[in-house]
Amino acid sequence: MSLSLTCRVKIGKYSFDGVNEVTIVQTRKQVTNTATIKLPNRLKSDFLVNKIKGGDAVTIILGYNAEDREEFTGYVRDISFASPITIECEDEMYKLKRVKPKAKGFPKTTLKELLKYLVPDAVLTDIPKITLTSFTVYADKSVAHALQELRENFGLEVNFVGKQLFVGVPLTQDTKANAPEVVYNMELNVINSSLQFQRKEDVRIRVEARSITGDNQVLTATVGDDDASTTTTLHFYNVTVKAELERQAEEKLKVWKHDGFKGALTSFGVPYAEPGWVAKIIDNRYNGSRSGKYFIDSVTTTFGINGFRREVEIGRVAG
């Protein structure tokens, strides 16, 4: 059966059933998901740059044979005057980058209390019970800037899934049970791959573990390989004894130091995948010994005259 590419792109009050190219980047590594839309310069008798403006709502729906699904919602961030016209878009974080809260200092707070102050109207997923050290909200900084601070200083994951804002602890083995699974067979539905197989004895990792305790103190411990080229910071909460912090950090290391793949693979537009899902990779070579499951870190979707593809970057092992 032949497959025909179909799409519906809505920008402001205008709709398009054809594009030069769409690129959507969804990732756990940043607070903002993005999309780039390339369209012909003219809409009937007028230039498209005269019709579209920053802040216009954007919806991108892609698929095969009109069996489509919504892939991105957000807002126009910027419009280029190149040919074809290029429209840069951001997800719901676009709005939070333009909201400046009232200044406030929190000598000690919980994640739930802080988020209630920063994004009182946001649709939030389950918020973990985390006590934070002092946190300052600045009047000249945006809400998105404060959320970026949560990511950088407290090791929390912050991103939108559709209209829902997720703020919480990054993926662990405990989240695998609730994560959708997508199957990639290296012989069937993988177009190409930059995956590299690594053995655990060749993985060199040094970790600085940091725990924010209930009495507003920071406890640190370092574990791992002294000859590692870089140091990764892991955040824990309410661990008050250094030996216990080291033990928990060592358990995290076991997840990273494993026989398995790292890198990315490219598939067709189907199957669909999102960051946070589990990629089950089937590799029947080597008697299947290299097959495994991994959390997906990012998905870059491209659609247009060159076809429909998804580049899936995998992260830590998921069992």
Protein backbone atom coordinates (compact mmCIF):
# COMPACT_ATOMS: atom_id res chain seq x y z
CA MET A 1 0.00 0.00 0.00
CA SER A 2 1.37 3.42 -0.97
CA LEU A 3 1.56 6.13 1.65
CA SER A 4 0.84 9.77 0.88
CA LEU A 5 2.06 12.55 3.13
CA THR A 6 -0.72 14.72 4.53
CA CYS A 7 -0.59 17.73 6.80
CA ARG A 8 -2.60 20.60 8.22
CA VAL A 9 -0.74 23.62 9.50
CA LYS A 10 -2.67 26.46 11.11
CA ILE A 11 -0.98 29.79 11.82
CA GLY A 12 -3.26 32.46 13.25
CA LYS A 13 -6.37 32.52 11.05
CA TYR A 14 -4.64 30.90 8.07
CA SER A 15 -4.51 27.19 7.25
CA PHE A 16 -2.18 25.28 4.92
CA ASP A 17 -2.44 21.70 3.63
CA GLY A 18 1.03 21.77 2.12
CA VAL A 19 4.47 22.93 3.27
CA ASN A 20 8.00 23.06 1.96
CA GLU A 21 9.29 21.65 5.22
CA VAL A 22 8.50 21.33 8.92
CA THR A 23 11.03 20.57 11.64
CA ILE A 24 9.88 19.91 15.22
CA VAL A 25 12.35 19.48 18.07
CA GLN A 26 11.06 17.93 21.30
CA THR A 27 13.62 17.40 24.03
CA ARG A 28 14.07 16.73 27.72
CA LYS A 29 17.32 18.71 27.62
CA GLN A 30 15.72 22.15 27.25
CA VAL A 31 12.70 23.92 28.72
CA THR A 32 11.35 24.89 25.27
CA ASN A 33 10.23 22.71 22.37
CA THR A 34 10.46 24.37 18.95
CA ALA A 35 9.16 24.10 15.41
CA THR A 36 10.32 25.60 12.12
CA ILE A 37 7.86 25.91 9.23
CA LYS A 38 8.95 26.73 5.67
CA LEU A 39 6.24 27.95 3.28
CA PRO A 40 6.02 29.63 -0.14
CA ASN A 41 6.43 33.40 0.04
CA ARG A 42 3.00 34.26 -1.31
CA LEU A 43 -0.51 33.54 -0.06
CA LYS A 44 -2.63 34.14 -3.16
CA SER A 45 -1.79 37.71 -4.23
CA ASP A 46 -0.09 38.91 -1.03
CA PHE A 47 3.20 38.18 0.66
CA LEU A 48 2.88 35.79 3.58
CA VAL A 49 5.01 38.03 5.82
CA ASN A 50 2.16 40.54 5.67
CA LYS A 51 -0.31 37.97 6.98
CA ILE A 52 1.54 36.31 9.87
CA LYS A 53 2.83 38.03 13.00
CA GLY A 54 4.68 37.13 16.18
CA GLY A 55 2.48 35.53 18.82
CA ASP A 56 0.06 33.95 16.34
CA ALA A 57 -1.11 30.55 17.54
CA VAL A 58 0.35 27.55 15.68
CA THR A 59 -0.92 23.99 15.30
CA ILE A 60 0.93 21.37 13.25
CA ILE A 61 -0.80 18.10 12.29
CA LEU A 62 1.11 15.50 10.29
CA GLY A 63 0.54 12.00 8.99
CA TYR A 64 0.11 9.54 6.16
CA ASN A 65 -3.05 9.10 4.05
CA ALA A 66 -4.97 11.61 6.21
CA GLU A 67 -4.39 9.49 9.32
CA ASP A 68 -2.87 12.45 11.10
CA ARG A 69 -2.05 13.45 14.63
CA GLU A 70 -1.28 16.73 16.32
CA GLU A 71 2.50 17.04 16.58
CA PHE A 72 3.00 20.58 17.88
CA THR A 73 1.10 23.51 19.36
CA GLY A 74 2.67 26.84 20.16
CA TYR A 75 3.21 30.38 18.90
CA VAL A 76 5.11 32.25 16.20
CA ARG A 77 8.38 33.59 17.63
CA ASP A 78 10.00 34.99 14.51
CA ILE A 79 9.49 35.29 10.74
CA SER A 80 12.30 35.48 8.20
CA PHE A 81 12.17 37.17 4.82
CA ALA A 82 14.07 34.36 3.10
CA SER A 83 12.66 32.29 0.27
CA PRO A 84 10.87 30.11 1.21
CA ILE A 85 9.59 32.08 4.19
CA THR A 86 10.76 30.55 7.49
CA ILE A 87 8.57 30.75 10.59
CA GLU A 88 10.18 29.96 13.95
CA CYS A 89 7.82 28.74 16.68
CA GLU A 90 7.97 27.87 20.38
CA ASP A 91 5.63 25.86 22.59
CA GLU A 92 3.72 27.23 25.62
CA MET A 93 7.02 28.42 27.10
CA TYR A 94 6.74 31.30 24.59
CA LYS A 95 4.12 32.92 26.82
CA LEU A 96 6.06 32.36 30.05
CA LYS A 97 9.10 34.07 28.52
CA ARG A 98 6.97 37.20 28.30
CA VAL A 99 5.51 37.15 31.81
CA LYS A 100 7.44 38.85 34.63
CA PRO A 101 6.25 37.95 38.13
CA LYS A 102 6.41 40.17 41.19
CA ALA A 103 9.73 39.95 42.99
CA LYS A 104 9.75 37.67 46.01
CA GLY A 105 12.33 35.90 48.15
CA PHE A 106 11.67 32.40 49.52
CA PRO A 107 14.06 31.60 52.42
CA LYS A 108 12.73 28.05 52.21
CA THR A 109 9.91 26.67 50.12
CA THR A 110 8.43 23.59 48.49
CA LEU A 111 8.34 23.00 44.77
CA LYS A 112 4.53 23.07 44.85
CA GLU A 113 4.43 26.43 46.64
CA LEU A 114 6.93 28.00 44.27
CA LEU A 115 5.12 26.77 41.14
CA LYS A 116 1.81 28.04 42.50
CA TYR A 117 3.41 31.46 42.75
CA LEU A 118 5.12 31.37 39.35
CA VAL A 119 2.43 29.72 37.20
CA PRO A 120 -0.88 29.88 39.10
CA ASP A 121 -2.94 29.16 35.98
CA ALA A 122 -0.77 26.41 34.45
CA VAL A 123 -2.00 22.86 33.95
CA LEU A 124 0.55 20.87 35.96
CA THR A 125 1.22 17.16 36.17
CA ASP A 126 1.83 15.57 39.58
CA ILE A 127 4.29 17.71 41.55
CA PRO A 128 6.78 15.76 43.69
CA LYS A 129 7.13 16.66 47.35
CA ILE A 130 10.46 18.48 47.23
CA THR A 131 11.81 21.06 49.66
CA LEU A 132 13.97 23.71 48.02
CA THR A 133 16.66 25.91 49.48
CA SER A 134 16.27 29.67 49.24
CA PHE A 135 14.88 30.85 45.91
CA THR A 136 14.59 34.41 44.63
CA VAL A 137 12.08 35.53 42.02
CA TYR A 138 13.31 38.67 40.26
CA ALA A 139 10.97 41.33 38.89
CA ASP A 140 13.13 41.91 35.80
CA LYS A 141 13.30 38.20 34.91
CA SER A 142 10.59 36.12 33.25
CA VAL A 143 8.74 33.12 34.64
CA ALA A 144 10.57 30.99 32.07
CA HIS A 145 13.89 32.26 33.48
CA ALA A 146 12.85 31.12 36.98
CA LEU A 147 11.88 27.70 35.59
CA GLN A 148 15.26 27.49 33.86
CA GLU A 149 16.88 28.15 37.25
CA LEU A 150 14.96 25.22 38.71
CA ARG A 151 16.41 23.06 35.98
CA GLU A 152 20.00 24.28 36.31
CA ASN A 153 20.31 24.69 40.09
CA PHE A 154 18.07 21.90 41.37
CA GLY A 155 18.37 19.30 38.63
CA LEU A 156 14.64 19.25 37.89
CA GLU A 157 13.17 18.52 34.50
CA VAL A 158 11.00 21.33 33.15
CA ASN A 159 9.05 21.22 29.89
CA PHE A 160 5.61 21.34 28.34
CA VAL A 161 3.78 18.30 27.00
CA GLY A 162 1.05 19.96 24.95
CA LYS A 163 -0.59 22.42 27.33
CA GLN A 164 0.61 20.61 30.44
CA LEU A 165 3.67 21.82 32.29
CA PHE A 166 5.87 19.09 33.75
CA VAL A 167 8.24 19.99 36.57
CA GLY A 168 9.78 17.12 38.46
CA VAL A 169 12.55 14.61 38.96
CA PRO A 170 14.14 13.37 35.69
CA LEU A 171 13.31 9.91 34.41
CA THR A 172 14.23 6.96 36.60
CA GLN A 173 13.53 3.25 36.58
CA ASP A 174 10.35 3.99 38.54
CA THR A 175 8.89 5.95 35.61
CA LYS A 176 9.38 3.13 33.10
CA ALA A 177 6.19 1.37 34.18
CA ASN A 178 4.07 4.35 33.09
CA ALA A 179 6.01 5.29 29.95
CA PRO A 180 4.63 4.32 26.51
CA GLU A 181 6.92 1.99 24.58
CA VAL A 182 7.86 2.24 20.91
CA VAL A 183 9.64 -0.57 19.04
CA TYR A 184 12.55 -0.08 16.64
CA ASN A 185 13.77 -3.14 14.76
CA MET A 186 17.15 -2.45 13.18
CA GLU A 187 16.19 -4.64 10.18
CA LEU A 188 12.64 -3.36 9.63
CA ASN A 189 11.79 0.21 10.58
CA VAL A 190 15.16 1.91 11.17
CA ILE A 191 16.32 3.90 8.14
CA ASN A 192 19.76 4.76 9.48
CA SER A 193 21.51 5.03 12.81
CA SER A 194 24.41 6.63 14.63
CA LEU A 195 24.02 4.22 17.53
CA GLN A 196 27.25 3.00 19.07
CA PHE A 197 27.47 -0.01 21.34
CA GLN A 198 29.48 0.55 24.51
CA ARG A 199 30.60 -1.84 27.21
CA LYS A 200 30.19 -0.82 30.82
CA GLU A 201 33.89 -1.13 31.61
CA ASP A 202 34.59 1.51 28.92
CA VAL A 203 32.13 4.04 30.33
CA ARG A 204 33.99 6.53 32.50
CA ILE A 205 31.74 8.73 34.67
CA ARG A 206 32.42 10.93 37.67
CA VAL A 207 29.41 12.25 39.59
CA GLU A 208 29.04 15.01 42.12
CA ALA A 209 25.95 14.21 44.18
CA ARG A 210 24.16 17.12 45.86
CA SER A 211 21.35 16.78 48.39
CA ILE A 212 19.21 19.66 49.58
CA THR A 213 18.25 18.78 53.15
CA GLY A 214 15.20 19.81 55.11
CA ASP A 215 17.19 22.31 57.21
CA ASN A 216 18.22 24.28 54.10
CA GLN A 217 21.73 22.78 53.90
CA VAL A 218 23.52 21.27 50.89
CA LEU A 219 25.31 17.94 51.33
CA THR A 220 27.79 16.81 48.64
CA ALA A 221 29.61 13.62 47.74
CA THR A 222 31.68 12.52 44.73
CA VAL A 223 31.61 9.01 43.29
CA GLY A 224 32.70 7.34 40.07
CA ASP A 225 35.83 7.26 37.95
CA ASP A 226 38.66 9.68 38.75
CA ASP A 227 39.87 9.51 35.13
CA ALA A 228 36.54 10.68 33.67
CA SER A 229 36.92 13.73 31.42
CA THR A 230 33.90 15.53 32.86
CA THR A 231 31.85 15.61 36.05
CA THR A 232 28.08 15.22 36.04
CA THR A 233 25.97 16.71 38.82
CA LEU A 234 23.11 14.67 40.26
CA HIS A 235 20.52 16.20 42.59
CA PHE A 236 18.90 14.38 45.51
CA TYR A 237 16.46 15.67 48.09
CA ASN A 238 16.31 15.27 51.87
CA VAL A 239 19.26 12.85 52.06
CA THR A 240 20.98 13.96 55.29
CA VAL A 241 23.81 11.40 55.69
CA LYS A 242 26.81 11.44 53.36
CA ALA A 243 27.14 7.64 53.29
CA GLU A 244 23.54 7.32 52.15
CA LEU A 245 24.08 10.01 49.53
CA GLU A 246 27.08 8.08 48.20
CA ARG A 247 25.08 4.85 48.15
CA GLN A 248 22.24 6.42 46.14
CA ALA A 249 24.71 8.02 43.75
CA GLU A 250 26.40 4.66 43.20
CA GLU A 251 23.02 3.15 42.34
CA LYS A 252 22.53 5.86 39.73
CA LEU A 253 25.95 5.06 38.30
CA LYS A 254 24.93 1.44 37.76
CA VAL A 255 22.19 2.66 35.43
CA TRP A 256 24.66 4.63 33.30
CA LYS A 257 27.52 2.11 33.36
CA HIS A 258 26.01 -0.67 31.30
CA ASP A 259 26.47 -2.63 28.12
CA GLY A 260 24.28 -0.92 25.56
CA PHE A 261 23.70 1.68 22.90
CA LYS A 262 24.18 5.43 22.90
CA GLY A 263 23.35 7.84 20.10
CA ALA A 264 20.37 8.20 17.77
CA LEU A 265 18.41 6.39 15.10
CA THR A 266 16.15 7.57 12.29
CA SER A 267 12.77 6.03 11.51
CA PHE A 268 9.83 6.94 9.30
CA GLY A 269 7.00 9.14 10.59
CA VAL A 270 5.42 6.01 12.03
CA PRO A 271 5.88 4.93 14.76
CA TYR A 272 5.24 8.10 16.72
CA ALA A 273 7.53 8.82 19.69
CA GLU A 274 8.06 11.48 22.36
CA PRO A 275 10.81 12.31 24.87
CA GLY A 276 10.21 10.33 28.05
CA TRP A 277 8.88 7.31 26.17
CA VAL A 278 10.81 4.03 26.13
CA ALA A 279 12.52 2.90 22.92
CA LYS A 280 12.70 -0.87 22.63
CA ILE A 281 15.56 -1.54 20.21
CA ILE A 282 15.64 -4.95 18.58
CA ASP A 283 18.98 -5.92 17.07
CA ASN A 284 19.05 -9.56 16.01
CA ARG A 285 22.76 -9.50 15.24
CA TYR A 286 25.14 -10.94 17.83
CA ASN A 287 22.40 -13.44 18.81
CA GLY A 288 20.22 -10.53 19.94
CA SER A 289 22.60 -9.68 22.77
CA ARG A 290 22.53 -5.98 21.86
CA SER A 291 18.78 -5.54 22.08
CA GLY A 292 17.55 -3.36 24.93
CA LYS A 293 15.25 -0.62 26.23
CA TYR A 294 16.20 3.04 26.66
CA PHE A 295 14.48 6.25 27.66
CA ILE A 296 14.10 8.69 24.76
CA ASP A 297 15.82 12.03 25.37
CA SER A 298 14.78 13.92 22.24
CA VAL A 299 12.87 13.53 18.99
CA THR A 300 13.47 15.65 15.90
CA THR A 301 10.64 15.30 13.39
CA THR A 302 11.03 16.45 9.78
CA PHE A 303 8.23 16.55 7.20
CA GLY A 304 8.10 17.88 3.66
CA ILE A 305 9.27 17.35 0.13
CA ASN A 306 12.02 15.01 1.35
CA GLY A 307 9.64 12.74 3.27
CA PHE A 308 8.56 12.16 6.87
CA ARG A 309 11.25 11.18 9.37
CA ARG A 310 11.93 11.04 13.12
CA GLU A 311 15.42 11.14 14.58
CA VAL A 312 15.22 9.59 18.03
CA GLU A 313 18.05 10.19 20.53
CA ILE A 314 18.19 7.66 23.33
CA GLY A 315 19.47 8.20 26.87
CA ARG A 316 19.78 6.05 29.94
CA VAL A 317 18.83 2.39 29.97
CA ALA A 318 15.24 1.59 30.92
CA GLY A 319 15.68 -2.03 31.88
